[in-house]
PDB file of N, CA and C in Angstrom:
ATOM      1  N   MET A   1     -19.871 -26.239 -24.694  1.00  0.00           N
ATOM      2  CA  MET A   1     -19.374 -26.855 -25.916  1.00  0.00           C
ATOM      3  C   MET A   1     -18.932 -28.290 -25.612  1.00  0.00           C
ATOM      4  N   ASN A   2     -19.231 -29.192 -26.508  1.00  0.00           N
ATOM      5  CA  ASN A   2     -18.884 -30.589 -26.303  1.00  0.00           C
ATOM      6  C   ASN A   2     -17.430 -30.826 -26.687  1.00  0.00           C
ATOM      7  N   SER A   3     -16.602 -31.185 -25.722  1.00  0.00           N
ATOM      8  CA  SER A   3     -15.184 -31.434 -25.990  1.00  0.00           C
ATOM      9  C   SER A   3     -14.862 -32.928 -25.902  1.00  0.00           C
ATOM     10  N   ASP A   4     -15.859 -33.765 -26.112  1.00  0.00           N
ATOM     11  CA  ASP A   4     -15.681 -35.204 -26.067  1.00  0.00           C
ATOM     12  C   ASP A   4     -14.722 -35.642 -27.181  1.00  0.00           C
ATOM     13  N   PRO A   5     -13.606 -36.283 -26.827  1.00  0.00           N
ATOM     14  CA  PRO A   5     -12.637 -36.671 -27.857  1.00  0.00           C
ATOM     15  C   PRO A   5     -13.141 -37.790 -28.767  1.00  0.00           C
ATOM     16  N   ASP A   6     -14.161 -38.522 -28.346  1.00  0.00           N
ATOM     17  CA  ASP A   6     -14.731 -39.594 -29.158  1.00  0.00           C
ATOM     18  C   ASP A   6     -16.149 -39.194 -29.537  1.00  0.00           C
ATOM     19  N   PRO A   7     -16.311 -38.513 -30.672  1.00  0.00           N
ATOM     20  CA  PRO A   7     -17.633 -37.983 -31.025  1.00  0.00           C
ATOM     21  C   PRO A   7     -18.666 -39.080 -31.240  1.00  0.00           C
ATOM     22  N   ASP A   8     -19.902 -38.744 -30.955  1.00  0.00           N
ATOM     23  CA  ASP A   8     -21.005 -39.680 -31.087  1.00  0.00           C
ATOM     24  C   ASP A   8     -21.345 -39.870 -32.562  1.00  0.00           C
ATOM     25  N   PRO A   9     -21.285 -41.109 -33.070  1.00  0.00           N
ATOM     26  CA  PRO A   9     -21.587 -41.341 -34.491  1.00  0.00           C
ATOM     27  C   PRO A   9     -22.988 -40.880 -34.889  1.00  0.00           C
ATOM     28  N   PHE A  10     -23.964 -41.007 -33.977  1.00  0.00           N
ATOM     29  CA  PHE A  10     -25.322 -40.558 -34.268  1.00  0.00           C
ATOM     30  C   PHE A  10     -25.334 -39.053 -34.530  1.00  0.00           C
ATOM     31  N   GLU A  11     -24.653 -38.298 -33.668  1.00  0.00           N
ATOM     32  CA  GLU A  11     -24.578 -36.839 -33.846  1.00  0.00           C
ATOM     33  C   GLU A  11     -23.801 -36.485 -35.113  1.00  0.00           C
ATOM     34  N   GLN A  12     -22.742 -37.242 -35.411  1.00  0.00           N
ATOM     35  CA  GLN A  12     -21.976 -36.996 -36.633  1.00  0.00           C
ATOM     36  C   GLN A  12     -22.856 -37.187 -37.864  1.00  0.00           C
ATOM     37  N   GLY A  13     -23.684 -38.216 -37.851  1.00  0.00           N
ATOM     38  CA  GLY A  13     -24.590 -38.466 -38.970  1.00  0.00           C
ATOM     39  C   GLY A  13     -25.604 -37.348 -39.129  1.00  0.00           C
ATOM     40  N   GLN A  14     -26.128 -36.856 -38.010  1.00  0.00           N
ATOM     41  CA  GLN A  14     -27.074 -35.736 -38.065  1.00  0.00           C
ATOM     42  C   GLN A  14     -26.396 -34.499 -38.648  1.00  0.00           C
ATOM     43  N   ARG A  15     -25.183 -34.225 -38.202  1.00  0.00           N
ATOM     44  CA  ARG A  15     -24.443 -33.062 -38.682  1.00  0.00           C
ATOM     45  C   ARG A  15     -24.173 -33.183 -40.183  1.00  0.00           C
ATOM     46  N   ALA A  16     -23.801 -34.372 -40.622  1.00  0.00           N
ATOM     47  CA  ALA A  16     -23.533 -34.593 -42.041  1.00  0.00           C
ATOM     48  C   ALA A  16     -24.781 -34.335 -42.881  1.00  0.00           C
ATOM     49  N   ALA A  17     -25.931 -34.802 -42.408  1.00  0.00           N
ATOM     50  CA  ALA A  17     -27.172 -34.594 -43.146  1.00  0.00           C
ATOM     51  C   ALA A  17     -27.510 -33.107 -43.234  1.00  0.00           C
ATOM     52  N   ARG A  18     -27.288 -32.372 -42.157  1.00  0.00           N
ATOM     53  CA  ARG A  18     -27.545 -30.926 -42.171  1.00  0.00           C
ATOM     54  C   ARG A  18     -26.645 -30.209 -43.173  1.00  0.00           C
ATOM     55  N   GLN A  19     -25.468 -30.772 -43.422  1.00  0.00           N
ATOM     56  CA  GLN A  19     -24.515 -30.187 -44.362  1.00  0.00           C
ATOM     57  C   GLN A  19     -24.694 -30.752 -45.771  1.00  0.00           C
ATOM     58  N   ASN A  20     -25.788 -31.493 -45.982  1.00  0.00           N
ATOM     59  CA  ASN A  20     -26.098 -32.108 -47.275  1.00  0.00           C
ATOM     60  C   ASN A  20     -25.024 -33.087 -47.738  1.00  0.00           C
ATOM     61  N   ILE A  21     -24.374 -33.742 -46.789  1.00  0.00           N
ATOM     62  CA  ILE A  21     -23.416 -34.806 -47.108  1.00  0.00           C
ATOM     63  C   ILE A  21     -24.228 -36.088 -47.309  1.00  0.00           C
ATOM     64  N   PRO A  22     -24.020 -36.789 -48.416  1.00  0.00           N
ATOM     65  CA  PRO A  22     -24.840 -37.983 -48.689  1.00  0.00           C
ATOM     66  C   PRO A  22     -24.572 -39.119 -47.702  1.00  0.00           C
ATOM     67  N   ALA A  23     -25.558 -39.977 -47.529  1.00  0.00           N
ATOM     68  CA  ALA A  23     -25.428 -41.103 -46.609  1.00  0.00           C
ATOM     69  C   ALA A  23     -24.284 -42.029 -47.009  1.00  0.00           C
ATOM     70  N   GLU A  24     -23.940 -42.060 -48.298  1.00  0.00           N
ATOM     71  CA  GLU A  24     -22.851 -42.914 -48.772  1.00  0.00           C
ATOM     72  C   GLU A  24     -21.502 -42.487 -48.204  1.00  0.00           C
ATOM     73  N   ALA A  25     -21.435 -41.276 -47.646  1.00  0.00           N
ATOM     74  CA  ALA A  25     -20.182 -40.765 -47.094  1.00  0.00           C
ATOM     75  C   ALA A  25     -19.925 -41.260 -45.668  1.00  0.00           C
ATOM     76  N   ASN A  26     -20.751 -42.170 -45.172  1.00  0.00           N
ATOM     77  CA  ASN A  26     -20.582 -42.725 -43.825  1.00  0.00           C
ATOM     78  C   ASN A  26     -19.141 -43.196 -43.647  1.00  0.00           C
ATOM     79  N   PRO A  27     -18.419 -42.620 -42.656  1.00  0.00           N
ATOM     80  CA  PRO A  27     -16.991 -42.925 -42.515  1.00  0.00           C
ATOM     81  C   PRO A  27     -16.697 -44.235 -41.795  1.00  0.00           C
ATOM     82  N   TYR A  28     -17.720 -44.884 -41.251  1.00  0.00           N
ATOM     83  CA  TYR A  28     -17.492 -46.079 -40.454  1.00  0.00           C
ATOM     84  C   TYR A  28     -17.612 -47.350 -41.293  1.00  0.00           C
ATOM     85  N   ARG A  29     -16.966 -48.404 -40.820  1.00  0.00           N
ATOM     86  CA  ARG A  29     -16.974 -49.692 -41.511  1.00  0.00           C
ATOM     87  C   ARG A  29     -18.397 -50.249 -41.567  1.00  0.00           C
ATOM     88  N   ASP A  30     -18.816 -50.644 -42.760  1.00  0.00           N
ATOM     89  CA  ASP A  30     -20.158 -51.199 -42.943  1.00  0.00           C
ATOM     90  C   ASP A  30     -20.333 -52.417 -42.044  1.00  0.00           C
ATOM     91  N   GLY A  31     -21.442 -52.459 -41.331  1.00  0.00           N
ATOM     92  CA  GLY A  31     -21.713 -53.565 -40.432  1.00  0.00           C
ATOM     93  C   GLY A  31     -21.340 -53.269 -38.982  1.00  0.00           C
ATOM     94  N   SER A  32     -20.610 -52.183 -38.754  1.00  0.00           N
ATOM     95  CA  SER A  32     -20.223 -51.837 -37.387  1.00  0.00           C
ATOM     96  C   SER A  32     -21.351 -51.083 -36.688  1.00  0.00           C
ATOM     97  N   GLU A  33     -21.295 -51.075 -35.356  1.00  0.00           N
ATOM     98  CA  GLU A  33     -22.304 -50.347 -34.585  1.00  0.00           C
ATOM     99  C   GLU A  33     -22.256 -48.856 -34.906  1.00  0.00           C
ATOM    100  N   GLN A  34     -21.034 -48.308 -35.059  1.00  0.00           N
ATOM    101  CA  GLN A  34     -20.898 -46.889 -35.381  1.00  0.00           C
ATOM    102  C   GLN A  34     -21.533 -46.568 -36.729  1.00  0.00           C
ATOM    103  N   HIS A  35     -21.363 -47.480 -37.699  1.00  0.00           N
ATOM    104  CA  HIS A  35     -21.949 -47.270 -39.026  1.00  0.00           C
ATOM    105  C   HIS A  35     -23.468 -47.170 -38.913  1.00  0.00           C
ATOM    106  N   ALA A  36     -24.064 -48.064 -38.139  1.00  0.00           N
ATOM    107  CA  ALA A  36     -25.512 -48.065 -37.961  1.00  0.00           C
ATOM    108  C   ALA A  36     -25.982 -46.797 -37.243  1.00  0.00           C
ATOM    109  N   LEU A  37     -25.253 -46.367 -36.220  1.00  0.00           N
ATOM    110  CA  LEU A  37     -25.620 -45.153 -35.489  1.00  0.00           C
ATOM    111  C   LEU A  37     -25.513 -43.923 -36.388  1.00  0.00           C
ATOM    112  N   TRP A  38     -24.433 -43.840 -37.160  1.00  0.00           N
ATOM    113  CA  TRP A  38     -24.234 -42.706 -38.078  1.00  0.00           C
ATOM    114  C   TRP A  38     -25.385 -42.660 -39.084  1.00  0.00           C
ATOM    115  N   ALA A  39     -25.714 -43.828 -39.648  1.00  0.00           N
ATOM    116  CA  ALA A  39     -26.791 -43.896 -40.637  1.00  0.00           C
ATOM    117  C   ALA A  39     -28.130 -43.495 -40.019  1.00  0.00           C
ATOM    118  N   ALA A  40     -28.371 -43.908 -38.786  1.00  0.00           N
ATOM    119  CA  ALA A  40     -29.626 -43.560 -38.116  1.00  0.00           C
ATOM    120  C   ALA A  40     -29.715 -42.059 -37.867  1.00  0.00           C
ATOM    121  N   GLY A  41     -28.624 -41.455 -37.447  1.00  0.00           N
ATOM    122  CA  GLY A  41     -28.607 -40.006 -37.238  1.00  0.00           C
ATOM    123  C   GLY A  41     -28.811 -39.264 -38.537  1.00  0.00           C
ATOM    124  N   HIS A  42     -28.165 -39.734 -39.600  1.00  0.00           N
ATOM    125  CA  HIS A  42     -28.297 -39.107 -40.919  1.00  0.00           C
ATOM    126  C   HIS A  42     -29.740 -39.203 -41.391  1.00  0.00           C
ATOM    127  N   GLU A  43     -30.335 -40.378 -41.255  1.00  0.00           N
ATOM    128  CA  GLU A  43     -31.706 -40.593 -41.721  1.00  0.00           C
ATOM    129  C   GLU A  43     -32.702 -39.746 -40.936  1.00  0.00           C
ATOM    130  N   LYS A  44     -32.465 -39.574 -39.636  1.00  0.00           N
ATOM    131  CA  LYS A  44     -33.370 -38.765 -38.816  1.00  0.00           C
ATOM    132  C   LYS A  44     -33.444 -37.341 -39.352  1.00  0.00           C
ATOM    133  N   VAL A  45     -32.289 -36.751 -39.663  1.00  0.00           N
ATOM    134  CA  VAL A  45     -32.252 -35.377 -40.167  1.00  0.00           C
ATOM    135  C   VAL A  45     -32.681 -35.317 -41.633  1.00  0.00           C
ATOM    136  N   ALA A  46     -32.157 -36.211 -42.459  1.00  0.00           N
ATOM    137  CA  ALA A  46     -32.481 -36.204 -43.885  1.00  0.00           C
ATOM    138  C   ALA A  46     -33.971 -36.496 -44.102  1.00  0.00           C
ATOM    139  N   GLY A  47     -34.511 -37.418 -43.345  1.00  0.00           N
ATOM    140  CA  GLY A  47     -35.930 -37.740 -43.475  1.00  0.00           C
ATOM    141  C   GLY A  47     -36.810 -36.578 -43.066  1.00  0.00           C
ATOM    142  N   ALA A  48     -36.417 -35.869 -42.023  1.00  0.00           N
ATOM    143  CA  ALA A  48     -37.184 -34.717 -41.550  1.00  0.00           C
ATOM    144  C   ALA A  48     -37.140 -33.586 -42.569  1.00  0.00           C
ATOM    145  N   SER A  49     -35.977 -33.325 -43.164  1.00  0.00           N
ATOM    146  CA  SER A  49     -35.870 -32.233 -44.132  1.00  0.00           C
ATOM    147  C   SER A  49     -36.616 -32.565 -45.414  1.00  0.00           C
ATOM    148  N   GLU A  50     -36.616 -33.825 -45.827  1.00  0.00           N
ATOM    149  CA  GLU A  50     -37.359 -34.224 -47.020  1.00  0.00           C
ATOM    150  C   GLU A  50     -38.858 -34.069 -46.778  1.00  0.00           C
ATOM    151  N   ALA A  51     -39.325 -34.382 -45.586  1.00  0.00           N
ATOM    152  CA  ALA A  51     -40.733 -34.235 -45.264  1.00  0.00           C
ATOM    153  C   ALA A  51     -41.129 -32.751 -45.314  1.00  0.00           C
ATOM    154  N   ASN A  52     -40.273 -31.879 -44.811  1.00  0.00           N
ATOM    155  CA  ASN A  52     -40.555 -30.443 -44.832  1.00  0.00           C
ATOM    156  C   ASN A  52     -40.599 -29.907 -46.260  1.00  0.00           C
ATOM    157  N   GLU A  53     -39.701 -30.378 -47.126  1.00  0.00           N
ATOM    158  CA  GLU A  53     -39.667 -29.917 -48.502  1.00  0.00           C
ATOM    159  C   GLU A  53     -40.922 -30.345 -49.254  1.00  0.00           C
ATOM    160  N   SER A  54     -41.401 -31.569 -49.021  1.00  0.00           N
ATOM    161  CA  SER A  54     -42.568 -32.045 -49.754  1.00  0.00           C
ATOM    162  C   SER A  54     -43.845 -31.321 -49.308  1.00  0.00           C
ATOM    163  N   GLU A  55     -43.879 -30.837 -48.073  1.00  0.00           N
ATOM    164  CA  GLU A  55     -45.060 -30.094 -47.614  1.00  0.00           C
ATOM    165  C   GLU A  55     -45.184 -28.750 -48.322  1.00  0.00           C
ATOM    166  N   GLY A  56     -44.060 -28.178 -48.739  1.00  0.00           N
ATOM    167  CA  GLY A  56     -44.070 -26.864 -49.341  1.00  0.00           C
ATOM    168  C   GLY A  56     -44.572 -26.836 -50.777  1.00  0.00           C
ATOM    169  N   SER A  57     -44.647 -27.982 -51.447  1.00  0.00           N
ATOM    170  CA  SER A  57     -45.030 -27.966 -52.862  1.00  0.00           C
ATOM    171  C   SER A  57     -46.504 -28.222 -53.096  1.00  0.00           C
TER     172      SER A  57
END
């Protein structure tokens, strides 16, 4: 189990996307490195799930 006290923003973004939390909920200050990492993680998961949904129709 990861007990890192400073969680990785990229992983946080991926987790948020899996929980259907919108990208607008990014907790980091816009323009910061963490904000960009969180958004990239969110997009990786959200983009993959959207691609899977469109294949099914």
